[in-house]
């Protein structure tokens, strides 16, 4: 059960980063480096989610 809670938290963070990226893109004054950093963090979360699901065969 703890694994499922951890995955849910990672997915919540992933979605929050997606919203933050979309907000940043919508504002032309946002630095491209900031957007790239947000995308990198989002990808890291996605990789961790996939790894946990594959390693523990959690179906979502």
N, C-alpha and C. Protein backbone atom coordinates (compact mmCIF):
# COMPACT_ATOMS: atom_id res chain seq x y z
N UNK A 1 0.81 -1.19 0.00
CA UNK A 1 0.00 0.00 0.00
C UNK A 1 0.86 1.26 0.00
N UNK A 2 1.99 1.22 0.69
CA UNK A 2 2.87 2.38 0.75
C UNK A 2 3.40 2.71 -0.65
N UNK A 3 3.65 1.69 -1.44
CA UNK A 3 4.14 1.92 -2.81
C UNK A 3 3.09 2.67 -3.62
N UNK A 4 1.84 2.27 -3.49
CA UNK A 4 0.76 2.94 -4.23
C UNK A 4 0.63 4.39 -3.80
N UNK A 5 0.80 4.67 -2.52
CA UNK A 5 0.74 6.05 -2.03
C UNK A 5 1.90 6.86 -2.59
N UNK A 6 3.07 6.25 -2.64
CA UNK A 6 4.25 6.92 -3.19
C UNK A 6 4.04 7.23 -4.67
N UNK A 7 3.52 6.26 -5.40
CA UNK A 7 3.24 6.46 -6.83
C UNK A 7 2.20 7.58 -7.03
N UNK A 8 1.19 7.60 -6.20
CA UNK A 8 0.17 8.64 -6.30
C UNK A 8 0.78 10.02 -6.06
N UNK A 9 1.67 10.11 -5.10
CA UNK A 9 2.33 11.38 -4.82
C UNK A 9 3.22 11.81 -5.99
N UNK A 10 3.95 10.87 -6.56
CA UNK A 10 4.79 11.19 -7.71
C UNK A 10 3.93 11.65 -8.90
N UNK A 11 2.80 10.99 -9.11
CA UNK A 11 1.91 11.38 -10.20
C UNK A 11 1.32 12.77 -9.95
N UNK A 12 1.00 13.08 -8.71
CA UNK A 12 0.49 14.40 -8.37
C UNK A 12 1.55 15.48 -8.66
N UNK A 13 2.79 15.20 -8.28
CA UNK A 13 3.88 16.14 -8.55
C UNK A 13 4.10 16.29 -10.06
N UNK A 14 3.99 15.20 -10.79
CA UNK A 14 4.16 15.21 -12.25
C UNK A 14 3.10 16.11 -12.88
N UNK A 15 1.86 15.97 -12.45
CA UNK A 15 0.78 16.80 -12.98
C UNK A 15 0.97 18.27 -12.61
N UNK A 16 1.44 18.53 -11.39
CA UNK A 16 1.68 19.90 -10.96
C UNK A 16 2.77 20.55 -11.81
N UNK A 17 3.81 19.78 -12.12
CA UNK A 17 4.87 20.30 -12.98
C UNK A 17 4.33 20.59 -14.38
N UNK A 18 3.46 19.74 -14.88
CA UNK A 18 2.86 19.97 -16.20
C UNK A 18 2.11 21.30 -16.21
N UNK A 19 1.33 21.55 -15.16
CA UNK A 19 0.60 22.82 -15.08
C UNK A 19 1.57 24.00 -14.99
N UNK A 20 2.63 23.83 -14.21
CA UNK A 20 3.62 24.90 -14.07
C UNK A 20 4.32 25.19 -15.41
N UNK A 21 4.61 24.13 -16.16
CA UNK A 21 5.23 24.29 -17.48
C UNK A 21 4.28 25.04 -18.41
N UNK A 22 3.02 24.65 -18.42
CA UNK A 22 2.05 25.32 -19.29
C UNK A 22 1.89 26.79 -18.91
N UNK A 23 1.88 27.09 -17.62
CA UNK A 23 1.81 28.48 -17.17
C UNK A 23 3.04 29.26 -17.62
N UNK A 24 4.21 28.64 -17.49
CA UNK A 24 5.46 29.31 -17.87
C UNK A 24 5.50 29.58 -19.36
N UNK A 25 5.04 28.63 -20.15
CA UNK A 25 5.02 28.80 -21.60
C UNK A 25 4.06 29.92 -22.00
N UNK A 26 2.98 30.05 -21.26
CA UNK A 26 1.97 31.07 -21.57
C UNK A 26 2.46 32.49 -21.29
N UNK A 27 3.50 32.62 -20.48
CA UNK A 27 4.05 33.93 -20.15
C UNK A 27 5.36 34.13 -20.92
N UNK A 28 5.36 34.99 -21.92
CA UNK A 28 6.55 35.18 -22.76
C UNK A 28 7.79 35.63 -21.99
N UNK A 29 7.60 36.20 -20.81
CA UNK A 29 8.76 36.68 -20.05
C UNK A 29 9.50 35.56 -19.33
N UNK A 30 8.94 34.36 -19.32
CA UNK A 30 9.57 33.23 -18.64
C UNK A 30 10.85 32.82 -19.35
N UNK A 31 11.89 32.65 -18.59
CA UNK A 31 13.19 32.24 -19.09
C UNK A 31 13.14 30.83 -19.67
N UNK A 32 13.71 30.64 -20.84
CA UNK A 32 13.73 29.32 -21.47
C UNK A 32 14.47 28.29 -20.61
N UNK A 33 15.47 28.73 -19.87
CA UNK A 33 16.20 27.81 -19.00
C UNK A 33 15.31 27.29 -17.88
N UNK A 34 14.43 28.14 -17.38
CA UNK A 34 13.50 27.71 -16.33
C UNK A 34 12.56 26.66 -16.89
N UNK A 35 12.05 26.89 -18.09
CA UNK A 35 11.14 25.91 -18.71
C UNK A 35 11.87 24.59 -18.93
N UNK A 36 13.10 24.66 -19.40
CA UNK A 36 13.89 23.43 -19.62
C UNK A 36 14.11 22.69 -18.31
N UNK A 37 14.36 23.41 -17.23
CA UNK A 37 14.56 22.78 -15.91
C UNK A 37 13.26 22.11 -15.45
N UNK A 38 12.15 22.78 -15.62
CA UNK A 38 10.86 22.18 -15.25
C UNK A 38 10.60 20.90 -16.04
N UNK A 39 10.89 20.94 -17.33
CA UNK A 39 10.70 19.75 -18.17
C UNK A 39 11.62 18.62 -17.75
N UNK A 40 12.86 18.97 -17.38
CA UNK A 40 13.80 17.95 -16.92
C UNK A 40 13.30 17.29 -15.64
N UNK A 41 12.80 18.10 -14.71
CA UNK A 41 12.26 17.55 -13.45
C UNK A 41 11.05 16.67 -13.71
N UNK A 42 10.20 17.10 -14.64
CA UNK A 42 9.01 16.31 -14.99
C UNK A 42 9.42 14.96 -15.57
N UNK A 43 10.41 14.97 -16.45
CA UNK A 43 10.89 13.73 -17.05
C UNK A 43 11.50 12.80 -15.99
N UNK A 44 12.22 13.36 -15.04
CA UNK A 44 12.78 12.55 -13.96
C UNK A 44 11.68 11.86 -13.16
N UNK A 45 10.62 12.61 -12.87
CA UNK A 45 9.49 12.02 -12.15
C UNK A 45 8.86 10.90 -12.96
N UNK A 46 8.67 11.15 -14.25
CA UNK A 46 8.07 10.15 -15.13
C UNK A 46 8.93 8.87 -15.15
N UNK A 47 10.24 9.06 -15.26
CA UNK A 47 11.15 7.90 -15.26
C UNK A 47 11.04 7.12 -13.96
N UNK A 48 10.95 7.83 -12.84
CA UNK A 48 10.84 7.15 -11.54
C UNK A 48 9.52 6.40 -11.44
N UNK A 49 8.44 7.00 -11.91
CA UNK A 49 7.12 6.34 -11.90
C UNK A 49 7.17 5.05 -12.72
N UNK A 50 7.72 5.14 -13.92
CA UNK A 50 7.79 3.97 -14.81
C UNK A 50 8.65 2.88 -14.18
N UNK A 51 9.78 3.28 -13.59
CA UNK A 51 10.68 2.32 -12.97
C UNK A 51 10.00 1.61 -11.80
N UNK A 52 9.30 2.34 -10.97
CA UNK A 52 8.61 1.73 -9.84
C UNK A 52 7.51 0.79 -10.29
N UNK A 53 6.77 1.21 -11.29
CA UNK A 53 5.70 0.33 -11.80
C UNK A 53 6.27 -0.95 -12.41
N UNK A 54 7.33 -0.82 -13.18
CA UNK A 54 7.92 -1.98 -13.84
C UNK A 54 8.57 -2.92 -12.83
N UNK A 55 9.25 -2.35 -11.86
CA UNK A 55 9.95 -3.16 -10.86
C UNK A 55 9.03 -3.86 -9.90
N UNK A 56 7.86 -3.32 -9.71
CA UNK A 56 6.94 -3.90 -8.75
C UNK A 56 5.63 -4.36 -9.39
N UNK A 57 5.61 -4.29 -10.70
CA UNK A 57 4.44 -4.75 -11.47
C UNK A 57 3.15 -4.15 -10.96
N UNK A 58 3.18 -2.84 -10.67
CA UNK A 58 1.99 -2.13 -10.24
C UNK A 58 1.22 -1.71 -11.47
N UNK A 59 -0.02 -2.08 -11.52
CA UNK A 59 -0.87 -1.74 -12.67
C UNK A 59 -1.64 -0.49 -12.33
N UNK A 60 -1.62 0.45 -13.28
CA UNK A 60 -2.35 1.70 -13.07
C UNK A 60 -3.24 1.97 -14.24
